[in-house]
Amino acid sequence: MTATRGSPPVDMDRMRLKDILPTVREAQGVGRLVAMQRLRYYLAAQNMLVVCDEVKTITDPKDLNLIIGAGAPGHIYYAVLAQKAYLAGVV
């Protein structure tokens, strides 16, 4: 018996955070788990500075919560917190 593997990841040059977040928001059931895994992969594999710059452009707090829920590592987590503070008017 052979194990079936999923399709290879999308090319990282074409994938953007703003493209992944609506997919995660709109997905339901198992599709949401797959979309969340794609977000986790993006956060782990993409250049940290690129992701931090993308986080600065997000204006929806729900999207920021999704990034934290996906397990944003280190500096990305703090970039999300800084953006949440900016949106709340704290900074």
N, C-alpha and C. Protein backbone atom coordinates (compact mmCIF):
# COMPACT_ATOMS: atom_id res chain seq x y z
N MET A 1 0.84 -1.17 0.00
CA MET A 1 0.00 0.00 0.00
C MET A 1 0.89 1.24 0.00
N THR A 2 0.57 2.20 -0.81
CA THR A 2 1.37 3.42 -0.89
C THR A 2 0.61 4.58 -0.28
N ALA A 3 1.34 5.48 0.28
CA ALA A 3 0.73 6.67 0.87
C ALA A 3 0.57 7.73 -0.22
N THR A 4 -0.55 8.38 -0.20
CA THR A 4 -0.80 9.45 -1.15
C THR A 4 -0.38 10.76 -0.52
N ARG A 5 0.37 11.51 -1.24
CA ARG A 5 0.81 12.81 -0.74
C ARG A 5 0.08 13.89 -1.48
N GLY A 6 -0.10 15.01 -0.82
CA GLY A 6 -0.77 16.14 -1.43
C GLY A 6 0.07 16.77 -2.52
N SER A 7 -0.50 17.73 -3.17
CA SER A 7 0.23 18.43 -4.23
C SER A 7 1.36 19.24 -3.61
N PRO A 8 2.41 19.49 -4.38
CA PRO A 8 3.51 20.28 -3.83
C PRO A 8 3.06 21.69 -3.50
N PRO A 9 3.72 22.34 -2.56
CA PRO A 9 3.32 23.69 -2.17
C PRO A 9 3.41 24.67 -3.34
N VAL A 10 2.57 25.64 -3.29
CA VAL A 10 2.58 26.68 -4.32
C VAL A 10 3.90 27.44 -4.23
N ASP A 11 4.37 27.92 -5.35
CA ASP A 11 5.62 28.66 -5.39
C ASP A 11 5.54 29.84 -4.43
N MET A 12 6.53 29.95 -3.55
CA MET A 12 6.51 30.99 -2.51
C MET A 12 6.56 32.40 -3.09
N ASP A 13 7.09 32.56 -4.30
CA ASP A 13 7.16 33.89 -4.90
C ASP A 13 5.78 34.42 -5.26
N ARG A 14 4.87 33.53 -5.58
CA ARG A 14 3.53 33.96 -5.98
C ARG A 14 2.55 34.01 -4.82
N MET A 15 2.84 33.34 -3.72
CA MET A 15 1.92 33.29 -2.60
C MET A 15 2.09 34.54 -1.73
N ARG A 16 0.99 35.15 -1.35
CA ARG A 16 1.00 36.33 -0.48
C ARG A 16 0.03 36.13 0.66
N LEU A 17 0.29 36.78 1.77
CA LEU A 17 -0.54 36.68 2.96
C LEU A 17 -1.96 37.15 2.68
N LYS A 18 -2.11 38.21 1.91
CA LYS A 18 -3.45 38.73 1.59
C LYS A 18 -4.25 37.76 0.73
N ASP A 19 -3.60 36.83 0.05
CA ASP A 19 -4.30 35.81 -0.72
C ASP A 19 -4.71 34.63 0.14
N ILE A 20 -3.94 34.34 1.16
CA ILE A 20 -4.20 33.17 2.01
C ILE A 20 -5.28 33.46 3.04
N LEU A 21 -5.27 34.64 3.64
CA LEU A 21 -6.21 34.96 4.73
C LEU A 21 -7.68 34.85 4.33
N PRO A 22 -8.11 35.37 3.18
CA PRO A 22 -9.53 35.19 2.80
C PRO A 22 -9.90 33.72 2.62
N THR A 23 -8.96 32.92 2.15
CA THR A 23 -9.21 31.49 1.98
C THR A 23 -9.47 30.84 3.33
N VAL A 24 -8.69 31.20 4.33
CA VAL A 24 -8.87 30.64 5.67
C VAL A 24 -10.20 31.10 6.26
N ARG A 25 -10.54 32.37 6.08
CA ARG A 25 -11.79 32.91 6.62
C ARG A 25 -13.02 32.24 6.02
N GLU A 26 -13.00 32.00 4.72
CA GLU A 26 -14.17 31.50 4.01
C GLU A 26 -14.31 29.98 4.06
N ALA A 27 -13.25 29.27 4.36
CA ALA A 27 -13.28 27.80 4.35
C ALA A 27 -14.05 27.27 5.55
N GLN A 28 -14.58 26.06 5.38
CA GLN A 28 -15.32 25.40 6.45
C GLN A 28 -14.88 23.94 6.53
N GLY A 29 -15.01 23.36 7.70
CA GLY A 29 -14.70 21.95 7.88
C GLY A 29 -13.25 21.62 7.63
N VAL A 30 -13.04 20.53 6.89
CA VAL A 30 -11.69 20.09 6.60
C VAL A 30 -10.95 21.10 5.73
N GLY A 31 -11.67 21.79 4.87
CA GLY A 31 -11.05 22.81 4.03
C GLY A 31 -10.41 23.91 4.86
N ARG A 32 -11.00 24.22 6.00
CA ARG A 32 -10.42 25.23 6.88
C ARG A 32 -9.10 24.74 7.48
N LEU A 33 -9.04 23.46 7.81
CA LEU A 33 -7.80 22.90 8.33
C LEU A 33 -6.69 22.94 7.28
N VAL A 34 -7.06 22.64 6.04
CA VAL A 34 -6.08 22.68 4.96
C VAL A 34 -5.60 24.12 4.74
N ALA A 35 -6.53 25.07 4.75
CA ALA A 35 -6.16 26.48 4.56
C ALA A 35 -5.30 26.98 5.72
N MET A 36 -5.61 26.54 6.93
CA MET A 36 -4.81 26.94 8.10
C MET A 36 -3.40 26.36 8.00
N GLN A 37 -3.29 25.14 7.49
CA GLN A 37 -1.96 24.55 7.32
C GLN A 37 -1.16 25.31 6.27
N ARG A 38 -1.83 25.76 5.22
CA ARG A 38 -1.14 26.57 4.20
C ARG A 38 -0.63 27.87 4.83
N LEU A 39 -1.44 28.48 5.72
CA LEU A 39 -1.01 29.69 6.41
C LEU A 39 0.19 29.40 7.31
N ARG A 40 0.15 28.29 8.04
CA ARG A 40 1.27 27.91 8.89
C ARG A 40 2.55 27.71 8.08
N TYR A 41 2.41 27.04 6.95
CA TYR A 41 3.56 26.80 6.09
C TYR A 41 4.13 28.13 5.59
N TYR A 42 3.24 29.03 5.19
CA TYR A 42 3.68 30.32 4.69
C TYR A 42 4.44 31.09 5.77
N LEU A 43 3.91 31.11 6.99
CA LEU A 43 4.56 31.83 8.08
C LEU A 43 5.93 31.24 8.42
N ALA A 44 6.06 29.93 8.31
CA ALA A 44 7.32 29.27 8.65
C ALA A 44 8.35 29.35 7.53
N ALA A 45 7.90 29.30 6.27
CA ALA A 45 8.83 29.18 5.15
C ALA A 45 9.20 30.52 4.50
N GLN A 46 8.32 31.48 4.59
CA GLN A 46 8.57 32.77 3.92
C GLN A 46 9.58 33.59 4.72
N ASN A 47 10.24 34.49 4.06
CA ASN A 47 11.18 35.40 4.70
C ASN A 47 10.44 36.22 5.76
N MET A 48 11.00 36.25 6.96
CA MET A 48 10.36 36.92 8.09
C MET A 48 10.11 38.41 7.81
N LEU A 49 11.05 39.09 7.17
CA LEU A 49 10.90 40.51 6.90
C LEU A 49 9.77 40.78 5.90
N VAL A 50 9.60 39.90 4.95
CA VAL A 50 8.52 40.04 3.97
C VAL A 50 7.17 39.90 4.67
N VAL A 51 7.06 38.90 5.55
CA VAL A 51 5.81 38.68 6.27
C VAL A 51 5.52 39.86 7.20
N CYS A 52 6.52 40.37 7.89
CA CYS A 52 6.31 41.51 8.79
C CYS A 52 5.83 42.74 8.01
N ASP A 53 6.37 42.95 6.82
CA ASP A 53 5.90 44.06 5.98
C ASP A 53 4.46 43.84 5.54
N GLU A 54 4.10 42.60 5.23
CA GLU A 54 2.72 42.30 4.83
C GLU A 54 1.75 42.50 6.00
N VAL A 55 2.20 42.16 7.20
CA VAL A 55 1.34 42.33 8.39
C VAL A 55 0.99 43.80 8.59
N LYS A 56 1.93 44.68 8.28
CA LYS A 56 1.69 46.12 8.46
C LYS A 56 0.57 46.65 7.57
N THR A 57 0.22 45.92 6.52
CA THR A 57 -0.83 46.38 5.61
C THR A 57 -2.21 45.82 5.95
N ILE A 58 -2.30 44.93 6.93
CA ILE A 58 -3.57 44.31 7.29
C ILE A 58 -4.36 45.25 8.17
N THR A 59 -5.64 45.45 7.83
CA THR A 59 -6.49 46.36 8.60
C THR A 59 -7.65 45.66 9.30
N ASP A 60 -7.79 44.36 9.13
CA ASP A 60 -8.88 43.61 9.76
C ASP A 60 -8.34 42.86 10.97
N PRO A 61 -8.83 43.17 12.18
CA PRO A 61 -8.33 42.48 13.37
C PRO A 61 -8.57 40.97 13.34
N LYS A 62 -9.60 40.52 12.64
CA LYS A 62 -9.86 39.08 12.55
C LYS A 62 -8.74 38.37 11.79
N ASP A 63 -8.21 39.03 10.78
CA ASP A 63 -7.09 38.45 10.04
C ASP A 63 -5.85 38.36 10.93
N LEU A 64 -5.64 39.37 11.75
CA LEU A 64 -4.51 39.34 12.68
C LEU A 64 -4.67 38.21 13.69
N ASN A 65 -5.89 37.97 14.14
CA ASN A 65 -6.15 36.87 15.06
C ASN A 65 -5.87 35.52 14.40
N LEU A 66 -6.17 35.41 13.10
CA LEU A 66 -5.89 34.17 12.38
C LEU A 66 -4.39 33.89 12.33
N ILE A 67 -3.62 34.94 12.14
CA ILE A 67 -2.16 34.77 12.08
C ILE A 67 -1.62 34.30 13.43
N ILE A 68 -2.12 34.89 14.50
CA ILE A 68 -1.70 34.46 15.84
C ILE A 68 -2.15 33.03 16.09
N GLY A 69 -3.38 32.70 15.68
CA GLY A 69 -3.90 31.35 15.86
C GLY A 69 -3.14 30.31 15.07
N ALA A 70 -2.53 30.71 13.97
CA ALA A 70 -1.76 29.78 13.16
C ALA A 70 -0.39 29.51 13.77
N GLY A 71 -0.04 30.23 14.79
CA GLY A 71 1.24 30.00 15.45
C GLY A 71 2.35 30.85 14.86
N ALA A 72 2.12 32.14 14.81
CA ALA A 72 3.11 33.06 14.26
C ALA A 72 4.39 33.00 15.10
N PRO A 73 5.51 32.74 14.45
CA PRO A 73 6.77 32.64 15.20
C PRO A 73 7.38 34.01 15.51
N GLY A 74 8.03 34.11 16.64
CA GLY A 74 8.87 35.23 17.05
C GLY A 74 8.50 36.62 16.59
N HIS A 75 9.29 37.16 15.69
CA HIS A 75 9.13 38.55 15.25
C HIS A 75 7.81 38.78 14.54
N ILE A 76 7.29 37.78 13.88
CA ILE A 76 6.00 37.93 13.20
C ILE A 76 4.90 38.13 14.24
N TYR A 77 4.98 37.39 15.34
CA TYR A 77 4.00 37.54 16.43
C TYR A 77 4.01 38.97 16.96
N TYR A 78 5.20 39.52 17.16
CA TYR A 78 5.30 40.88 17.68
C TYR A 78 4.87 41.92 16.64
N ALA A 79 5.08 41.63 15.38
CA ALA A 79 4.59 42.52 14.32
C ALA A 79 3.06 42.54 14.31
N VAL A 80 2.45 41.38 14.54
CA VAL A 80 0.98 41.31 14.60
C VAL A 80 0.47 42.09 15.81
N LEU A 81 1.13 41.94 16.94
CA LEU A 81 0.71 42.69 18.14
C LEU A 81 0.86 44.19 17.92
N ALA A 82 1.92 44.60 17.26
CA ALA A 82 2.12 46.02 16.97
C ALA A 82 1.03 46.54 16.04
N GLN A 83 0.64 45.75 15.06
CA GLN A 83 -0.43 46.17 14.14
C GLN A 83 -1.77 46.23 14.86
N LYS A 84 -2.02 45.28 15.77
CA LYS A 84 -3.26 45.31 16.55
C LYS A 84 -3.30 46.57 17.43
N ALA A 85 -2.16 46.93 18.03
CA ALA A 85 -2.10 48.14 18.85
C ALA A 85 -2.33 49.37 17.99
N TYR A 86 -1.77 49.39 16.79
CA TYR A 86 -1.96 50.51 15.88
C TYR A 86 -3.43 50.66 15.50
N LEU A 87 -4.08 49.54 15.19
CA LEU A 87 -5.50 49.59 14.82
C LEU A 87 -6.39 49.99 15.99
N ALA A 88 -5.97 49.64 17.21
CA ALA A 88 -6.75 50.00 18.40
C ALA A 88 -6.49 51.44 18.82
N GLY A 89 -5.50 52.10 18.23
CA GLY A 89 -5.20 53.47 18.55
C GLY A 89 -4.30 53.64 19.75
N VAL A 90 -3.67 52.57 20.18
CA VAL A 90 -2.77 52.63 21.32
C VAL A 90 -1.46 53.30 20.95
N VAL A 91 -0.99 53.08 19.75
CA VAL A 91 0.29 53.64 19.31
C VAL A 91 0.03 54.85 18.45
